[in-house]
Amino acid sequence: MRMGNWSSIGVLFLVLFLLQACAADQQLQHQNVLLQDQIEHFQLQLYESDQQIKSLNAELTRLQQVETKYNQQLTDLKAKNASLQNINSKLTQKVEGLTNALEKNKSVIKLQNKVIRLLDDTKKTIATSLKDEIASQDIELIGLADTLKVIFIDKILFDSGSVEINQKGKKLLLAFAESIRQQKNQSILVEGHTDNMPLKPALKEQFPSNWELSVARAATVARFLQMEGRLQPQRLSARGYSFYQPVSSNKTLAGRRQNRRIEIILSPSEKTP
């Protein structure tokens, strides 16, 4: 083979090599373009993912804030509920107390009505039994809320300077005892009162002062109501006030006459049902 032929073959191989190198370079460039496109696509996906993460983080923060807010509201509501339950408990106790008080008041009113009826009946009976002395104002009847006073004035029971009940007084006390004997739920308090005049010498030998005289006369009436009037002693009590509870002025004869008195006070017994 001649040298010229070898040169042609070398050139041919060189051309083929260059052609292959060019084709390889084009293939590499094409691959680079594809890779660049993929990179850009992945970068876009990464950016979108970052944005989604930021958005989710923002939403998470918002939800956490909402949760904190609602937890605080829940705590406040629990505190308010506890306070309302406490108030409700107190109101329930108050209602129960008021209900009990109302029932008690109803019972008291019922009892008072019964007492008033009994005292009213007693007053009518006494007024009938002692009508002449009431008319002459020697005896007074005074009805109060839950008591009835029967006032024997001046000498209608006791003669001047005496602690012995006179005959007229005995008759009146017997009539009085008869009118209240069946009212066994009424207590009977006998009170003795005097004027402020000094005791006469004869009386002073027996009673140092008007204190003793007022007590003695009250005790004498109570004893008579028990023994002669046949009233239960458990219903009776006596006390004296001397001249320290006047109903009129002690400066006049008429006033002193009003102050010298025996008051018999009828009231419901503590055992009244």
Protein backbone atom coordinates (compact mmCIF):
# COMPACT_ATOMS: atom_id res chain seq x y z
CA MET A 1 0.00 0.00 0.00
CA ARG A 2 1.21 3.37 -0.83
CA MET A 3 1.75 6.23 1.61
CA GLY A 4 -1.07 8.28 0.06
CA ASN A 5 -3.58 5.64 0.84
CA TRP A 6 -2.53 5.56 4.50
CA SER A 7 -2.92 9.30 4.72
CA SER A 8 -6.43 9.09 3.35
CA ILE A 9 -7.32 6.44 5.88
CA GLY A 10 -5.90 8.52 8.74
CA VAL A 11 -7.87 11.50 7.61
CA LEU A 12 -10.95 9.34 7.41
CA PHE A 13 -10.40 8.07 10.97
CA LEU A 14 -9.80 11.59 12.15
CA VAL A 15 -13.02 12.78 10.54
CA LEU A 16 -14.90 9.88 12.07
CA PHE A 17 -13.38 10.62 15.49
CA LEU A 18 -14.29 14.26 15.22
CA LEU A 19 -17.78 13.35 14.12
CA GLN A 20 -18.14 11.00 17.09
CA ALA A 21 -16.73 13.64 19.44
CA CYS A 22 -19.14 16.21 18.08
CA ALA A 23 -22.05 13.81 18.46
CA ALA A 24 -20.96 13.01 22.02
CA ASP A 25 -20.67 16.71 22.81
CA GLN A 26 -24.16 17.37 21.42
CA GLN A 27 -25.49 14.47 23.50
CA LEU A 28 -23.79 15.88 26.59
CA GLN A 29 -25.24 19.32 25.90
CA HIS A 30 -28.69 17.82 25.49
CA GLN A 31 -28.26 15.93 28.76
CA ASN A 32 -27.10 19.15 30.42
CA VAL A 33 -30.22 20.92 29.19
CA LEU A 34 -32.41 18.13 30.54
CA LEU A 35 -30.58 18.19 33.85
CA GLN A 36 -30.91 21.97 34.04
CA ASP A 37 -34.62 21.68 33.35
CA GLN A 38 -34.92 19.04 36.09
CA ILE A 39 -32.95 21.23 38.49
CA GLU A 40 -35.19 24.20 37.78
CA HIS A 41 -38.26 21.97 38.21
CA PHE A 42 -36.97 20.65 41.52
CA GLN A 43 -36.07 24.18 42.66
CA LEU A 44 -39.62 25.29 41.83
CA GLN A 45 -41.01 22.33 43.79
CA LEU A 46 -38.67 23.16 46.68
CA TYR A 47 -39.81 26.80 46.65
CA GLU A 48 -43.45 25.76 46.59
CA SER A 49 -42.78 23.30 49.42
CA ASP A 50 -41.09 26.06 51.44
CA GLN A 51 -44.07 28.33 50.85
CA GLN A 52 -46.46 25.57 51.93
CA ILE A 53 -44.34 24.96 55.06
CA LYS A 54 -44.38 28.68 55.88
CA SER A 55 -48.13 28.79 55.31
CA LEU A 56 -48.65 25.70 57.47
CA ASN A 57 -46.39 27.12 60.17
CA ALA A 58 -48.38 30.38 60.11
CA GLU A 59 -51.63 28.40 60.34
CA LEU A 60 -50.15 26.32 63.17
CA THR A 61 -49.18 29.49 65.03
CA ARG A 62 -52.68 30.89 64.48
CA LEU A 63 -54.29 27.67 65.71
CA GLN A 64 -52.01 27.62 68.76
CA GLN A 65 -53.04 31.19 69.54
CA VAL A 66 -56.70 30.23 69.11
CA GLU A 67 -56.12 27.21 71.37
CA THR A 68 -54.49 29.44 74.01
CA LYS A 69 -57.38 31.89 73.76
CA TYR A 70 -59.98 29.13 74.08
CA ASN A 71 -58.07 27.51 76.95
CA GLN A 72 -58.10 30.85 78.77
CA GLN A 73 -61.81 31.24 78.04
CA LEU A 74 -62.37 27.69 79.28
CA THR A 75 -60.45 28.50 82.48
CA ASP A 76 -62.50 31.68 82.94
CA LEU A 77 -65.73 29.78 82.30
CA LYS A 78 -64.75 27.12 84.82
CA ALA A 79 -64.03 29.83 87.39
CA LYS A 80 -67.35 31.53 86.61
CA ASN A 81 -69.12 28.18 86.80
CA ALA A 82 -67.56 27.48 90.20
CA SER A 83 -68.58 30.97 91.36
CA LEU A 84 -72.13 30.49 90.05
CA GLN A 85 -72.34 27.09 91.73
CA ASN A 86 -71.24 28.70 94.98
CA ILE A 87 -73.81 31.47 94.56
CA ASN A 88 -76.44 28.90 93.65
CA SER A 89 -75.57 26.89 96.75
CA LYS A 90 -75.87 29.99 98.92
CA LEU A 91 -79.14 30.96 97.24
CA THR A 92 -80.44 27.42 97.74
CA GLN A 93 -79.54 27.63 101.43
CA LYS A 94 -81.15 31.07 101.63
CA VAL A 95 -84.30 29.79 99.93
CA GLU A 96 -84.39 26.85 102.33
CA GLY A 97 -83.90 29.27 105.23
CA LEU A 98 -86.64 31.56 103.94
CA THR A 99 -88.91 28.57 103.36
CA ASN A 100 -88.30 27.36 106.90
CA ALA A 101 -88.81 30.89 108.21
CA LEU A 102 -92.03 31.16 106.21
CA GLU A 103 -93.29 27.87 107.60
CA LYS A 104 -92.27 28.99 111.07
CA ASN A 105 -94.02 32.32 110.56
CA LYS A 106 -97.10 30.51 109.35
CA SER A 107 -97.01 28.40 112.49
CA VAL A 108 -96.48 31.51 114.61
CA ILE A 109 -99.32 33.33 112.86
CA LYS A 110 -101.53 30.29 113.27
CA LEU A 111 -100.63 30.13 116.96
CA GLN A 112 -101.11 33.88 117.36
CA ASN A 113 -104.51 33.67 115.72
CA LYS A 114 -105.39 30.87 118.09
CA VAL A 115 -104.10 32.88 121.05
CA ILE A 116 -106.00 35.95 119.90
CA ARG A 117 -109.19 33.93 119.57
CA LEU A 118 -108.69 32.43 123.03
CA LEU A 119 -107.92 35.81 124.57
CA ASP A 120 -110.86 37.35 122.78
CA ASP A 121 -113.15 34.62 124.07
CA THR A 122 -111.67 35.07 127.55
CA LYS A 123 -112.13 38.83 127.35
CA LYS A 124 -115.79 38.41 126.41
CA THR A 125 -116.33 35.95 129.27
CA ILE A 126 -114.62 38.23 131.81
CA ALA A 127 -116.48 41.25 130.48
CA THR A 128 -119.76 39.42 131.04
CA SER A 129 -118.78 38.23 134.54
CA LEU A 130 -117.53 41.62 135.72
CA LYS A 131 -119.70 43.92 133.61
CA ASP A 132 -120.95 46.09 136.51
CA GLU A 133 -117.45 46.83 137.84
CA ILE A 134 -116.19 47.43 134.30
CA ALA A 135 -119.05 49.83 133.73
CA SER A 136 -118.20 51.69 136.94
CA GLN A 137 -114.51 51.75 135.90
CA ASP A 138 -113.40 49.87 139.00
CA ILE A 139 -112.08 47.17 136.67
CA GLU A 140 -110.45 47.72 133.28
CA LEU A 141 -109.90 45.23 130.46
CA ILE A 142 -107.00 46.00 128.12
CA GLY A 143 -106.35 43.67 125.20
CA LEU A 144 -102.86 43.73 123.65
CA ALA A 145 -101.27 41.69 120.85
CA ASP A 146 -100.96 38.46 122.82
CA THR A 147 -101.96 39.42 126.34
CA LEU A 148 -105.05 40.50 128.20
CA LYS A 149 -104.81 42.76 131.24
CA VAL A 150 -107.48 42.73 133.92
CA ILE A 151 -106.86 45.74 136.19
CA PHE A 152 -108.48 45.93 139.64
CA ILE A 153 -108.25 49.55 140.76
CA ASP A 154 -107.71 50.91 144.27
CA LYS A 155 -109.91 49.53 147.06
CA ILE A 156 -111.99 47.08 145.04
CA LEU A 157 -109.84 44.16 146.32
CA PHE A 158 -108.14 45.54 149.44
CA ASP A 159 -109.36 47.99 152.04
CA SER A 160 -107.05 50.87 152.83
CA GLY A 161 -104.00 49.73 154.79
CA SER A 162 -104.89 46.03 154.46
CA VAL A 163 -103.35 43.05 152.76
CA GLU A 164 -106.47 40.92 153.24
CA ILE A 165 -108.85 40.61 150.29
CA ASN A 166 -112.24 42.11 151.19
CA GLN A 167 -115.55 40.33 150.64
CA LYS A 168 -116.37 42.15 147.41
CA GLY A 169 -112.88 41.43 146.15
CA LYS A 170 -113.27 37.72 146.89
CA LYS A 171 -116.54 37.63 144.98
CA LEU A 172 -114.98 39.35 141.98
CA LEU A 173 -111.89 37.13 141.99
CA LEU A 174 -114.06 34.01 142.16
CA ALA A 175 -116.04 35.24 139.16
CA PHE A 176 -112.78 35.99 137.36
CA ALA A 177 -111.35 32.54 138.18
CA GLU A 178 -114.52 30.86 136.96
CA SER A 179 -114.25 32.65 133.61
CA ILE A 180 -110.66 31.49 132.93
CA ARG A 181 -110.57 28.09 134.64
CA GLN A 182 -110.92 26.10 131.43
CA GLN A 183 -108.31 28.12 129.53
CA LYS A 184 -105.49 25.94 130.83
CA ASN A 185 -103.06 27.09 128.14
CA GLN A 186 -103.04 30.61 129.55
CA SER A 187 -100.55 31.71 132.19
CA ILE A 188 -101.66 34.13 134.91
CA LEU A 189 -99.33 36.82 136.22
CA VAL A 190 -100.48 38.89 139.20
CA GLU A 191 -98.76 42.26 139.58
CA GLY A 192 -99.03 44.53 142.60
CA HIS A 193 -98.65 48.34 142.25
CA THR A 194 -98.88 51.16 144.82
CA ASP A 195 -98.81 54.93 144.84
CA ASN A 196 -95.81 56.82 146.21
CA MET A 197 -97.32 57.75 149.56
CA PRO A 198 -95.42 56.60 152.69
CA LEU A 199 -96.91 53.63 154.51
CA LYS A 200 -98.97 54.26 157.63
CA PRO A 201 -97.30 53.28 160.89
CA ALA A 202 -99.49 50.18 161.31
CA LEU A 203 -98.54 48.90 157.86
CA LYS A 204 -94.93 49.87 158.23
CA GLU A 205 -94.58 47.56 161.20
CA GLN A 206 -95.34 44.69 158.81
CA PHE A 207 -93.94 46.02 155.51
CA PRO A 208 -90.77 48.15 155.46
CA SER A 209 -91.74 49.79 152.15
CA ASN A 210 -94.17 49.81 149.25
CA TRP A 211 -92.04 47.08 147.65
CA GLU A 212 -93.06 44.52 150.25
CA LEU A 213 -96.67 45.75 150.26
CA SER A 214 -97.03 45.43 146.47
CA VAL A 215 -95.50 41.95 146.48
CA ALA A 216 -97.63 40.81 149.45
CA ARG A 217 -100.88 41.91 147.80
CA ALA A 218 -99.93 40.22 144.51
CA ALA A 219 -99.02 37.00 146.33
CA THR A 220 -102.27 37.12 148.32
CA VAL A 221 -104.33 37.37 145.11
CA ALA A 222 -102.35 34.54 143.46
CA ARG A 223 -102.83 32.32 146.50
CA PHE A 224 -106.57 33.08 146.60
CA LEU A 225 -106.94 32.24 142.90
CA GLN A 226 -105.25 28.91 143.57
CA MET A 227 -106.96 27.96 146.81
CA GLU A 228 -110.43 29.45 146.39
CA GLY A 229 -110.59 29.95 142.64
CA ARG A 230 -109.26 26.42 142.02
CA LEU A 231 -106.77 27.50 139.36
CA GLN A 232 -103.69 25.36 138.72
CA PRO A 233 -100.71 26.78 140.64
CA GLN A 234 -98.47 26.07 137.62
CA ARG A 235 -100.35 28.80 135.78
CA LEU A 236 -99.80 31.40 138.49
CA SER A 237 -96.97 33.81 139.30
CA ALA A 238 -96.78 37.04 141.30
CA ARG A 239 -94.52 40.09 141.49
CA GLY A 240 -94.59 43.61 142.87
CA TYR A 241 -93.44 46.95 141.43
CA SER A 242 -94.01 49.31 144.36
CA PHE A 243 -94.75 52.77 142.87
CA TYR A 244 -92.18 52.55 140.06
CA GLN A 245 -94.61 51.81 137.23
CA PRO A 246 -97.33 54.45 137.63
CA VAL A 247 -100.09 54.78 135.06
CA SER A 248 -101.01 58.26 136.23
CA SER A 249 -99.56 61.16 138.20
CA ASN A 250 -99.05 60.64 141.91
CA LYS A 251 -99.63 64.36 142.49
CA THR A 252 -103.43 64.03 142.49
CA LEU A 253 -105.91 61.91 144.42
CA ALA A 254 -107.37 60.54 141.19
CA GLY A 255 -103.91 59.70 139.87
CA ARG A 256 -102.86 57.92 143.05
CA ARG A 257 -106.12 55.96 142.97
CA GLN A 258 -105.25 54.75 139.45
CA ASN A 259 -101.76 53.77 140.54
CA ARG A 260 -102.99 51.67 143.47
CA ARG A 261 -103.97 48.59 141.53
CA ILE A 262 -103.67 44.86 140.96
CA GLU A 263 -103.02 43.83 137.36
CA ILE A 264 -103.73 40.26 136.30
CA ILE A 265 -102.08 39.54 132.97
CA LEU A 266 -103.21 36.58 130.86
CA SER A 267 -100.88 35.32 128.15
CA PRO A 268 -100.31 32.08 126.25
CA SER A 269 -98.41 29.47 128.19
CA GLU A 270 -95.05 28.32 126.79
CA LYS A 271 -96.57 24.86 126.54
CA THR A 272 -99.35 26.06 124.24
CA PRO A 273 -99.40 23.63 121.27
